[in-house]
Amino acid sequence: LPILYSRIENFYTVVAQTVQYLRSLWPNELADVH
């Protein structure tokens, strides 16, 4: 059976992936942004 993920874990994963994508497009502008 697949490992179960909670909505909270999924939220963090989606945020991380989206931020990573945006940082790849705007590396200088987002380099020091937390």
Full PDB file with SEQRES, HELIX, SHEET, SSBOND, CRYST1, ORIGX, SCALE, CONECT and MASTER records, all heavy atoms in Angstrom:
SEQRES   1 A   34  LEU PRO ILE LEU TYR SER ARG ILE GLU ASN PHE TYR THR          
SEQRES   2 A   34  VAL VAL ALA GLN THR VAL GLN TYR LEU ARG SER LEU TRP          
SEQRES   3 A   34  PRO ASN GLU LEU ALA ASP VAL HIS                              
HELIX    1 AA1 ARG A    7  LEU A   25  1                                  19    
HELIX    2 AA2 PRO A   27  LEU A   30  1                                   4    
CRYST1    1.000    1.000    1.000  90.00  90.00  90.00 P 1           1          
ORIGX1      1.000000  0.000000  0.000000        0.00000                         
ORIGX2      0.000000  1.000000  0.000000        0.00000                         
ORIGX3      0.000000  0.000000  1.000000        0.00000                         
SCALE1      1.000000  0.000000  0.000000        0.00000                         
SCALE2      0.000000  1.000000  0.000000        0.00000                         
SCALE3      0.000000  0.000000  1.000000        0.00000                         
ATOM      1  N   LEU A   1       0.834  -1.197   0.000  1.00  0.00           N  
ATOM      2  CA  LEU A   1       0.000   0.000   0.000  1.00  0.00           C  
ATOM      3  C   LEU A   1       0.869   1.247   0.000  1.00  0.00           C  
ATOM      4  O   LEU A   1       1.948   1.259   0.582  1.00  0.00           O  
ATOM      5  CB  LEU A   1      -0.907   0.016   1.237  1.00  0.00           C  
ATOM      6  CG  LEU A   1      -1.928  -1.118   1.317  1.00  0.00           C  
ATOM      7  CD1 LEU A   1      -2.652  -1.063   2.655  1.00  0.00           C  
ATOM      8  CD2 LEU A   1      -2.916  -1.042   0.165  1.00  0.00           C  
ATOM      9  N   PRO A   2       0.387   2.324  -0.662  1.00  0.00           N  
ATOM     10  CA  PRO A   2       1.189   3.556  -0.668  1.00  0.00           C  
ATOM     11  C   PRO A   2       1.241   4.185   0.719  1.00  0.00           C  
ATOM     12  O   PRO A   2       0.339   4.007   1.536  1.00  0.00           O  
ATOM     13  CB  PRO A   2       0.427   4.459  -1.640  1.00  0.00           C  
ATOM     14  CG  PRO A   2      -0.964   3.939  -1.647  1.00  0.00           C  
ATOM     15  CD  PRO A   2      -0.857   2.457  -1.388  1.00  0.00           C  
ATOM     16  N   ILE A   3       2.318   4.913   0.969  1.00  0.00           N  
ATOM     17  CA  ILE A   3       2.446   5.630   2.228  1.00  0.00           C  
ATOM     18  C   ILE A   3       1.425   6.758   2.243  1.00  0.00           C  
ATOM     19  O   ILE A   3       1.224   7.442   1.243  1.00  0.00           O  
ATOM     20  CB  ILE A   3       3.871   6.181   2.385  1.00  0.00           C  
ATOM     21  CG1 ILE A   3       4.853   5.014   2.471  1.00  0.00           C  
ATOM     22  CG2 ILE A   3       3.990   7.100   3.592  1.00  0.00           C  
ATOM     23  CD1 ILE A   3       6.310   5.423   2.471  1.00  0.00           C  
ATOM     24  N   LEU A   4       0.765   6.933   3.351  1.00  0.00           N  
ATOM     25  CA  LEU A   4      -0.259   7.959   3.471  1.00  0.00           C  
ATOM     26  C   LEU A   4       0.372   9.294   3.856  1.00  0.00           C  
ATOM     27  O   LEU A   4       1.255   9.348   4.707  1.00  0.00           O  
ATOM     28  CB  LEU A   4      -1.284   7.545   4.530  1.00  0.00           C  
ATOM     29  CG  LEU A   4      -2.012   6.236   4.258  1.00  0.00           C  
ATOM     30  CD1 LEU A   4      -2.905   5.886   5.444  1.00  0.00           C  
ATOM     31  CD2 LEU A   4      -2.834   6.324   2.983  1.00  0.00           C  
ATOM     32  N   TYR A   5      -0.077  10.356   3.211  1.00  0.00           N  
ATOM     33  CA  TYR A   5       0.392  11.696   3.520  1.00  0.00           C  
ATOM     34  C   TYR A   5      -0.770  12.514   4.051  1.00  0.00           C  
ATOM     35  O   TYR A   5      -1.886  12.428   3.548  1.00  0.00           O  
ATOM     36  CB  TYR A   5       0.960  12.378   2.274  1.00  0.00           C  
ATOM     37  CG  TYR A   5       2.229  11.741   1.779  1.00  0.00           C  
ATOM     38  CD1 TYR A   5       2.221  10.847   0.729  1.00  0.00           C  
ATOM     39  CD2 TYR A   5       3.444  12.030   2.390  1.00  0.00           C  
ATOM     40  CE1 TYR A   5       3.386  10.254   0.282  1.00  0.00           C  
ATOM     41  CE2 TYR A   5       4.618  11.437   1.955  1.00  0.00           C  
ATOM     42  CZ  TYR A   5       4.585  10.560   0.900  1.00  0.00           C  
ATOM     43  OH  TYR A   5       5.734   9.972   0.479  1.00  0.00           O  
ATOM     44  N   SER A   6      -0.515  13.313   5.028  1.00  0.00           N  
ATOM     45  CA  SER A   6      -1.556  14.160   5.577  1.00  0.00           C  
ATOM     46  C   SER A   6      -1.663  15.434   4.745  1.00  0.00           C  
ATOM     47  O   SER A   6      -0.773  15.762   3.963  1.00  0.00           O  
ATOM     48  CB  SER A   6      -1.245  14.510   7.037  1.00  0.00           C  
ATOM     49  OG  SER A   6      -0.176  15.439   7.089  1.00  0.00           O  
ATOM     50  N   ARG A   7      -2.740  16.161   4.939  1.00  0.00           N  
ATOM     51  CA  ARG A   7      -2.910  17.437   4.243  1.00  0.00           C  
ATOM     52  C   ARG A   7      -1.838  18.434   4.653  1.00  0.00           C  
ATOM     53  O   ARG A   7      -1.419  19.257   3.868  1.00  0.00           O  
ATOM     54  CB  ARG A   7      -4.295  18.020   4.523  1.00  0.00           C  
ATOM     55  CG  ARG A   7      -5.368  17.367   3.702  1.00  0.00           C  
ATOM     56  CD  ARG A   7      -6.623  18.184   3.762  1.00  0.00           C  
ATOM     57  NE  ARG A   7      -7.652  17.515   2.990  1.00  0.00           N  
ATOM     58  CZ  ARG A   7      -8.863  17.961   2.860  1.00  0.00           C  
ATOM     59  NH1 ARG A   7      -9.223  19.078   3.465  1.00  0.00           N  
ATOM     60  NH2 ARG A   7      -9.739  17.315   2.138  1.00  0.00           N  
ATOM     61  N   ILE A   8      -1.403  18.350   5.899  1.00  0.00           N  
ATOM     62  CA  ILE A   8      -0.355  19.266   6.357  1.00  0.00           C  
ATOM     63  C   ILE A   8       0.955  18.966   5.636  1.00  0.00           C  
ATOM     64  O   ILE A   8       1.617  19.879   5.134  1.00  0.00           O  
ATOM     65  CB  ILE A   8      -0.184  19.184   7.894  1.00  0.00           C  
ATOM     66  CG1 ILE A   8      -1.443  19.680   8.592  1.00  0.00           C  
ATOM     67  CG2 ILE A   8       1.042  19.982   8.350  1.00  0.00           C  
ATOM     68  CD1 ILE A   8      -1.468  19.459  10.093  1.00  0.00           C  
ATOM     69  N   GLU A   9       1.325  17.696   5.560  1.00  0.00           N  
ATOM     70  CA  GLU A   9       2.548  17.326   4.840  1.00  0.00           C  
ATOM     71  C   GLU A   9       2.449  17.729   3.371  1.00  0.00           C  
ATOM     72  O   GLU A   9       3.412  18.237   2.797  1.00  0.00           O  
ATOM     73  CB  GLU A   9       2.798  15.822   4.949  1.00  0.00           C  
ATOM     74  CG  GLU A   9       3.184  15.370   6.337  1.00  0.00           C  
ATOM     75  CD  GLU A   9       3.171  13.847   6.458  1.00  0.00           C  
ATOM     76  OE1 GLU A   9       2.290  13.190   5.885  1.00  0.00           O  
ATOM     77  OE2 GLU A   9       4.067  13.346   7.151  1.00  0.00           O  
ATOM     78  N   ASN A  10       1.289  17.500   2.786  1.00  0.00           N  
ATOM     79  CA  ASN A  10       1.078  17.869   1.387  1.00  0.00           C  
ATOM     80  C   ASN A  10       1.204  19.382   1.207  1.00  0.00           C  
ATOM     81  O   ASN A  10       1.789  19.852   0.235  1.00  0.00           O  
ATOM     82  CB  ASN A  10      -0.286  17.380   0.903  1.00  0.00           C  
ATOM     83  CG  ASN A  10      -0.471  17.639  -0.562  1.00  0.00           C  
ATOM     84  OD1 ASN A  10       0.303  17.163  -1.384  1.00  0.00           O  
ATOM     85  ND2 ASN A  10      -1.480  18.418  -0.899  1.00  0.00           N  
ATOM     86  N   PHE A  11       0.670  20.156   2.141  1.00  0.00           N  
ATOM     87  CA  PHE A  11       0.758  21.610   2.066  1.00  0.00           C  
ATOM     88  C   PHE A  11       2.225  22.042   2.007  1.00  0.00           C  
ATOM     89  O   PHE A  11       2.616  22.815   1.140  1.00  0.00           O  
ATOM     90  CB  PHE A  11       0.063  22.241   3.276  1.00  0.00           C  
ATOM     91  CG  PHE A  11       0.042  23.743   3.239  1.00  0.00           C  
ATOM     92  CD1 PHE A  11      -1.002  24.407   2.618  1.00  0.00           C  
ATOM     93  CD2 PHE A  11       1.069  24.490   3.800  1.00  0.00           C  
ATOM     94  CE1 PHE A  11      -1.023  25.790   2.565  1.00  0.00           C  
ATOM     95  CE2 PHE A  11       1.051  25.868   3.759  1.00  0.00           C  
ATOM     96  CZ  PHE A  11      -0.004  26.519   3.136  1.00  0.00           C  
ATOM     97  N   TYR A  12       3.032  21.528   2.925  1.00  0.00           N  
ATOM     98  CA  TYR A  12       4.452  21.887   2.954  1.00  0.00           C  
ATOM     99  C   TYR A  12       5.168  21.472   1.667  1.00  0.00           C  
ATOM    100  O   TYR A  12       6.020  22.198   1.162  1.00  0.00           O  
ATOM    101  CB  TYR A  12       5.145  21.258   4.166  1.00  0.00           C  
ATOM    102  CG  TYR A  12       4.864  21.992   5.449  1.00  0.00           C  
ATOM    103  CD1 TYR A  12       3.945  21.504   6.357  1.00  0.00           C  
ATOM    104  CD2 TYR A  12       5.527  23.179   5.747  1.00  0.00           C  
ATOM    105  CE1 TYR A  12       3.681  22.182   7.545  1.00  0.00           C  
ATOM    106  CE2 TYR A  12       5.271  23.864   6.928  1.00  0.00           C  
ATOM    107  CZ  TYR A  12       4.345  23.362   7.824  1.00  0.00           C  
ATOM    108  OH  TYR A  12       4.087  24.038   8.991  1.00  0.00           O  
ATOM    109  N   THR A  13       4.823  20.317   1.136  1.00  0.00           N  
ATOM    110  CA  THR A  13       5.437  19.843  -0.104  1.00  0.00           C  
ATOM    111  C   THR A  13       5.095  20.764  -1.262  1.00  0.00           C  
ATOM    112  O   THR A  13       5.975  21.156  -2.039  1.00  0.00           O  
ATOM    113  CB  THR A  13       4.981  18.399  -0.413  1.00  0.00           C  
ATOM    114  OG1 THR A  13       5.390  17.549   0.664  1.00  0.00           O  
ATOM    115  CG2 THR A  13       5.563  17.900  -1.721  1.00  0.00           C  
ATOM    116  N   VAL A  14       3.823  21.131  -1.398  1.00  0.00           N  
ATOM    117  CA  VAL A  14       3.402  22.007  -2.493  1.00  0.00           C  
ATOM    118  C   VAL A  14       4.044  23.381  -2.354  1.00  0.00           C  
ATOM    119  O   VAL A  14       4.520  23.956  -3.340  1.00  0.00           O  
ATOM    120  CB  VAL A  14       1.863  22.105  -2.569  1.00  0.00           C  
ATOM    121  CG1 VAL A  14       1.419  23.157  -3.577  1.00  0.00           C  
ATOM    122  CG2 VAL A  14       1.260  20.745  -2.919  1.00  0.00           C  
ATOM    123  N   VAL A  15       4.086  23.916  -1.144  1.00  0.00           N  
ATOM    124  CA  VAL A  15       4.741  25.216  -0.919  1.00  0.00           C  
ATOM    125  C   VAL A  15       6.208  25.125  -1.325  1.00  0.00           C  
ATOM    126  O   VAL A  15       6.712  25.982  -2.062  1.00  0.00           O  
ATOM    127  CB  VAL A  15       4.597  25.676   0.552  1.00  0.00           C  
ATOM    128  CG1 VAL A  15       5.539  26.844   0.851  1.00  0.00           C  
ATOM    129  CG2 VAL A  15       3.159  26.069   0.844  1.00  0.00           C  
ATOM    130  N   ALA A  16       6.911  24.105  -0.871  1.00  0.00           N  
ATOM    131  CA  ALA A  16       8.339  23.966  -1.173  1.00  0.00           C  
ATOM    132  C   ALA A  16       8.584  23.858  -2.673  1.00  0.00           C  
ATOM    133  O   ALA A  16       9.508  24.493  -3.205  1.00  0.00           O  
ATOM    134  CB  ALA A  16       8.914  22.747  -0.447  1.00  0.00           C  
ATOM    135  N   GLN A  17       7.781  23.085  -3.363  1.00  0.00           N  
ATOM    136  CA  GLN A  17       7.948  22.926  -4.808  1.00  0.00           C  
ATOM    137  C   GLN A  17       7.667  24.235  -5.547  1.00  0.00           C  
ATOM    138  O   GLN A  17       8.386  24.590  -6.487  1.00  0.00           O  
ATOM    139  CB  GLN A  17       7.042  21.815  -5.336  1.00  0.00           C  
ATOM    140  CG  GLN A  17       7.465  20.446  -4.871  1.00  0.00           C  
ATOM    141  CD  GLN A  17       6.440  19.364  -5.199  1.00  0.00           C  
ATOM    142  OE1 GLN A  17       5.289  19.637  -5.514  1.00  0.00           O  
ATOM    143  NE2 GLN A  17       6.867  18.118  -5.102  1.00  0.00           N  
ATOM    144  N   THR A  18       6.645  24.948  -5.124  1.00  0.00           N  
ATOM    145  CA  THR A  18       6.295  26.208  -5.773  1.00  0.00           C  
ATOM    146  C   THR A  18       7.370  27.257  -5.526  1.00  0.00           C  
ATOM    147  O   THR A  18       7.771  27.981  -6.443  1.00  0.00           O  
ATOM    148  CB  THR A  18       4.916  26.706  -5.291  1.00  0.00           C  
ATOM    149  OG1 THR A  18       3.956  25.653  -5.464  1.00  0.00           O  
ATOM    150  CG2 THR A  18       4.465  27.927  -6.067  1.00  0.00           C  
ATOM    151  N   VAL A  19       7.855  27.335  -4.294  1.00  0.00           N  
ATOM    152  CA  VAL A  19       8.928  28.281  -3.971  1.00  0.00           C  
ATOM    153  C   VAL A  19      10.186  27.938  -4.765  1.00  0.00           C  
ATOM    154  O   VAL A  19      10.845  28.831  -5.310  1.00  0.00           O  
ATOM    155  CB  VAL A  19       9.207  28.304  -2.453  1.00  0.00           C  
ATOM    156  CG1 VAL A  19      10.495  29.050  -2.131  1.00  0.00           C  
ATOM    157  CG2 VAL A  19       8.025  28.911  -1.713  1.00  0.00           C  
ATOM    158  N   GLN A  20      10.517  26.679  -4.852  1.00  0.00           N  
ATOM    159  CA  GLN A  20      11.700  26.265  -5.609  1.00  0.00           C  
ATOM    160  C   GLN A  20      11.566  26.696  -7.074  1.00  0.00           C  
ATOM    161  O   GLN A  20      12.522  27.206  -7.671  1.00  0.00           O  
ATOM    162  CB  GLN A  20      11.886  24.749  -5.516  1.00  0.00           C  
ATOM    163  CG  GLN A  20      13.092  24.229  -6.256  1.00  0.00           C  
ATOM    164  CD  GLN A  20      13.248  22.720  -6.127  1.00  0.00           C  
ATOM    165  OE1 GLN A  20      12.387  22.022  -5.605  1.00  0.00           O  
ATOM    166  NE2 GLN A  20      14.357  22.215  -6.612  1.00  0.00           N  
ATOM    167  N   TYR A  21      10.392  26.513  -7.638  1.00  0.00           N  
ATOM    168  CA  TYR A  21      10.156  26.917  -9.025  1.00  0.00           C  
ATOM    169  C   TYR A  21      10.310  28.428  -9.181  1.00  0.00           C  
ATOM    170  O   TYR A  21      10.986  28.910 -10.101  1.00  0.00           O  
ATOM    171  CB  TYR A  21       8.761  26.465  -9.474  1.00  0.00           C  
ATOM    172  CG  TYR A  21       8.401  26.958 -10.849  1.00  0.00           C  
ATOM    173  CD1 TYR A  21       9.045  26.456 -11.978  1.00  0.00           C  
ATOM    174  CD2 TYR A  21       7.421  27.922 -11.020  1.00  0.00           C  
ATOM    175  CE1 TYR A  21       8.721  26.910 -13.240  1.00  0.00           C  
ATOM    176  CE2 TYR A  21       7.088  28.377 -12.283  1.00  0.00           C  
ATOM    177  CZ  TYR A  21       7.742  27.871 -13.386  1.00  0.00           C  
ATOM    178  OH  TYR A  21       7.415  28.331 -14.646  1.00  0.00           O  
ATOM    179  N   LEU A  22       9.704  29.200  -8.279  1.00  0.00           N  
ATOM    180  CA  LEU A  22       9.800  30.655  -8.363  1.00  0.00           C  
ATOM    181  C   LEU A  22      11.235  31.134  -8.156  1.00  0.00           C  
ATOM    182  O   LEU A  22      11.680  32.076  -8.819  1.00  0.00           O  
ATOM    183  CB  LEU A  22       8.857  31.311  -7.358  1.00  0.00           C  
ATOM    184  CG  LEU A  22       7.363  31.127  -7.653  1.00  0.00           C  
ATOM    185  CD1 LEU A  22       6.520  31.619  -6.494  1.00  0.00           C  
ATOM    186  CD2 LEU A  22       6.981  31.829  -8.953  1.00  0.00           C  
ATOM    187  N   ARG A  23      11.969  30.491  -7.267  1.00  0.00           N  
ATOM    188  CA  ARG A  23      13.377  30.857  -7.057  1.00  0.00           C  
ATOM    189  C   ARG A  23      14.205  30.579  -8.314  1.00  0.00           C  
ATOM    190  O   ARG A  23      15.162  31.294  -8.599  1.00  0.00           O  
ATOM    191  CB  ARG A  23      13.972  30.101  -5.878  1.00  0.00           C  
ATOM    192  CG  ARG A  23      13.536  30.624  -4.524  1.00  0.00           C  
ATOM    193  CD  ARG A  23      14.319  29.924  -3.409  1.00  0.00           C  
ATOM    194  NE  ARG A  23      13.745  30.134  -2.109  1.00  0.00           N  
ATOM    195  CZ  ARG A  23      13.924  31.206  -1.358  1.00  0.00           C  
ATOM    196  NH1 ARG A  23      14.651  32.191  -1.802  1.00  0.00           N  
ATOM    197  NH2 ARG A  23      13.359  31.299  -0.169  1.00  0.00           N  
ATOM    198  N   SER A  24      13.838  29.550  -9.068  1.00  0.00           N  
ATOM    199  CA  SER A  24      14.574  29.259 -10.306  1.00  0.00           C  
ATOM    200  C   SER A  24      14.317  30.334 -11.366  1.00  0.00           C  
ATOM    201  O   SER A  24      15.176  30.587 -12.202  1.00  0.00           O  
ATOM    202  CB  SER A  24      14.198  27.869 -10.843  1.00  0.00           C  
ATOM    203  OG  SER A  24      12.915  27.876 -11.450  1.00  0.00           O  
ATOM    204  N   LEU A  25      13.155  30.974 -11.305  1.00  0.00           N  
ATOM    205  CA  LEU A  25      12.824  32.027 -12.262  1.00  0.00           C  
ATOM    206  C   LEU A  25      13.322  33.405 -11.821  1.00  0.00           C  
ATOM    207  O   LEU A  25      13.623  34.256 -12.653  1.00  0.00           O  
ATOM    208  CB  LEU A  25      11.308  32.095 -12.468  1.00  0.00           C  
ATOM    209  CG  LEU A  25      10.656  30.856 -13.071  1.00  0.00           C  
ATOM    210  CD1 LEU A  25       9.147  31.013 -13.075  1.00  0.00           C  
ATOM    211  CD2 LEU A  25      11.172  30.605 -14.483  1.00  0.00           C  
ATOM    212  N   TRP A  26      13.380  33.628 -10.516  1.00  0.00           N  
ATOM    213  CA  TRP A  26      13.753  34.919  -9.938  1.00  0.00           C  
ATOM    214  C   TRP A  26      14.876  34.729  -8.909  1.00  0.00           C  
ATOM    215  O   TRP A  26      14.727  35.071  -7.740  1.00  0.00           O  
ATOM    216  CB  TRP A  26      12.530  35.559  -9.266  1.00  0.00           C  
ATOM    217  CG  TRP A  26      11.442  35.879 -10.235  1.00  0.00           C  
ATOM    218  CD1 TRP A  26      10.436  35.047 -10.642  1.00  0.00           C  
ATOM    219  CD2 TRP A  26      11.269  37.091 -10.952  1.00  0.00           C  
ATOM    220  NE1 TRP A  26       9.647  35.675 -11.560  1.00  0.00           N  
ATOM    221  CE2 TRP A  26      10.131  36.943 -11.769  1.00  0.00           C  
ATOM    222  CE3 TRP A  26      11.961  38.298 -10.974  1.00  0.00           C  
ATOM    223  CZ2 TRP A  26       9.676  37.953 -12.598  1.00  0.00           C  
ATOM    224  CZ3 TRP A  26      11.497  39.306 -11.802  1.00  0.00           C  
ATOM    225  CH2 TRP A  26      10.374  39.125 -12.603  1.00  0.00           C  
ATOM    226  N   PRO A  27      16.012  34.172  -9.318  1.00  0.00           N  
ATOM    227  CA  PRO A  27      17.053  33.827  -8.345  1.00  0.00           C  
ATOM    228  C   PRO A  27      17.619  35.030  -7.587  1.00  0.00           C  
ATOM    229  O   PRO A  27      17.864  34.933  -6.384  1.00  0.00           O  
ATOM    230  CB  PRO A  27      18.133  33.143  -9.190  1.00  0.00           C  
ATOM    231  CG  PRO A  27      17.888  33.615 -10.578  1.00  0.00           C  
ATOM    232  CD  PRO A  27      16.416  33.864 -10.683  1.00  0.00           C  
ATOM    233  N   ASN A  28      17.832  36.135  -8.249  1.00  0.00           N  
ATOM    234  CA  ASN A  28      18.415  37.305  -7.579  1.00  0.00           C  
ATOM    235  C   ASN A  28      17.414  37.956  -6.637  1.00  0.00           C  
ATOM    236  O   ASN A  28      17.762  38.327  -5.513  1.00  0.00           O  
ATOM    237  CB  ASN A  28      18.916  38.323  -8.603  1.00  0.00           C  
ATOM    238  CG  ASN A  28      20.041  37.769  -9.452  1.00  0.00           C  
ATOM    239  OD1 ASN A  28      20.803  36.916  -9.004  1.00  0.00           O  
ATOM    240  ND2 ASN A  28      20.133  38.234 -10.682  1.00  0.00           N  
ATOM    241  N   GLU A  29      16.179  38.095  -7.076  1.00  0.00           N  
ATOM    242  CA  GLU A  29      15.156  38.776  -6.284  1.00  0.00           C  
ATOM    243  C   GLU A  29      14.734  37.975  -5.054  1.00  0.00           C  
ATOM    244  O   GLU A  29      14.327  38.551  -4.050  1.00  0.00           O  
ATOM    245  CB  GLU A  29      13.926  39.069  -7.151  1.00  0.00           C  
ATOM    246  CG  GLU A  29      14.172  40.062  -8.266  1.00  0.00           C  
ATOM    247  CD  GLU A  29      14.843  39.466  -9.503  1.00  0.00           C  
ATOM    248  OE1 GLU A  29      15.168  38.256  -9.517  1.00  0.00           O  
ATOM    249  OE2 GLU A  29      15.052  40.216 -10.466  1.00  0.00           O  
ATOM    250  N   LEU A  30      14.811  36.651  -5.136  1.00  0.00           N  
ATOM    251  CA  LEU A  30      14.345  35.798  -4.033  1.00  0.00           C  
ATOM    252  C   LEU A  30      15.479  35.119  -3.264  1.00  0.00           C  
ATOM    253  O   LEU A  30      15.218  34.346  -2.349  1.00  0.00           O  
ATOM    254  CB  LEU A  30      13.371  34.736  -4.565  1.00  0.00           C  
ATOM    255  CG  LEU A  30      12.079  35.287  -5.181  1.00  0.00           C  
ATOM    256  CD1 LEU A  30      11.251  34.161  -5.789  1.00  0.00           C  
ATOM    257  CD2 LEU A  30      11.281  36.054  -4.147  1.00  0.00           C  
ATOM    258  N   ALA A  31      16.725  35.445  -3.611  1.00  0.00           N  
ATOM    259  CA  ALA A  31      17.871  34.762  -3.007  1.00  0.00           C  
ATOM    260  C   ALA A  31      17.888  34.863  -1.484  1.00  0.00           C  
ATOM    261  O   ALA A  31      18.164  33.886  -0.795  1.00  0.00           O  
ATOM    262  CB  ALA A  31      19.173  35.313  -3.583  1.00  0.00           C  
ATOM    263  N   ASP A  32      17.600  36.027  -0.954  1.00  0.00           N  
ATOM    264  CA  ASP A  32      17.686  36.232   0.492  1.00  0.00           C  
ATOM    265  C   ASP A  32      16.334  36.290   1.184  1.00  0.00           C  
ATOM    266  O   ASP A  32      16.249  36.650   2.358  1.00  0.00           O  
ATOM    267  CB  ASP A  32      18.469  37.523   0.780  1.00  0.00           C  
ATOM    268  CG  ASP A  32      19.900  37.433   0.290  1.00  0.00           C  
ATOM    269  OD1 ASP A  32      20.497  36.342   0.403  1.00  0.00           O  
ATOM    270  OD2 ASP A  32      20.420  38.447  -0.229  1.00  0.00           O  
ATOM    271  N   VAL A  33      15.274  35.951   0.462  1.00  0.00           N  
ATOM    272  CA  VAL A  33      13.921  36.004   1.026  1.00  0.00           C  
ATOM    273  C   VAL A  33      13.622  34.680   1.735  1.00  0.00           C  
ATOM    274  O   VAL A  33      13.794  33.607   1.167  1.00  0.00           O  
ATOM    275  CB  VAL A  33      12.873  36.277  -0.069  1.00  0.00           C  
ATOM    276  CG1 VAL A  33      11.471  36.262   0.511  1.00  0.00           C  
ATOM    277  CG2 VAL A  33      13.157  37.602  -0.758  1.00  0.00           C  
ATOM    278  N   HIS A  34      13.184  34.780   2.980  1.00  0.00           N  
ATOM    279  CA  HIS A  34      12.775  33.606   3.755  1.00  0.00           C  
ATOM    280  C   HIS A  34      11.270  33.450   3.600  1.00  0.00           C  
ATOM    281  O   HIS A  34      10.522  34.405   3.810  1.00  0.00           O  
ATOM    282  CB  HIS A  34      13.122  33.787   5.231  1.00  0.00           C  
ATOM    283  CG  HIS A  34      14.576  33.951   5.467  1.00  0.00           C  
ATOM    284  ND1 HIS A  34      15.447  32.884   5.542  1.00  0.00           N  
ATOM    285  CD2 HIS A  34      15.341  35.059   5.628  1.00  0.00           C  
ATOM    286  CE1 HIS A  34      16.665  33.326   5.739  1.00  0.00           C  
ATOM    287  NE2 HIS A  34      16.637  34.646   5.797  1.00  0.00           N  
TER     288      HIS A  34                                                      
MASTER        0    0    0    2    0    0    0    6  287    1    0    3          
END                                                                             
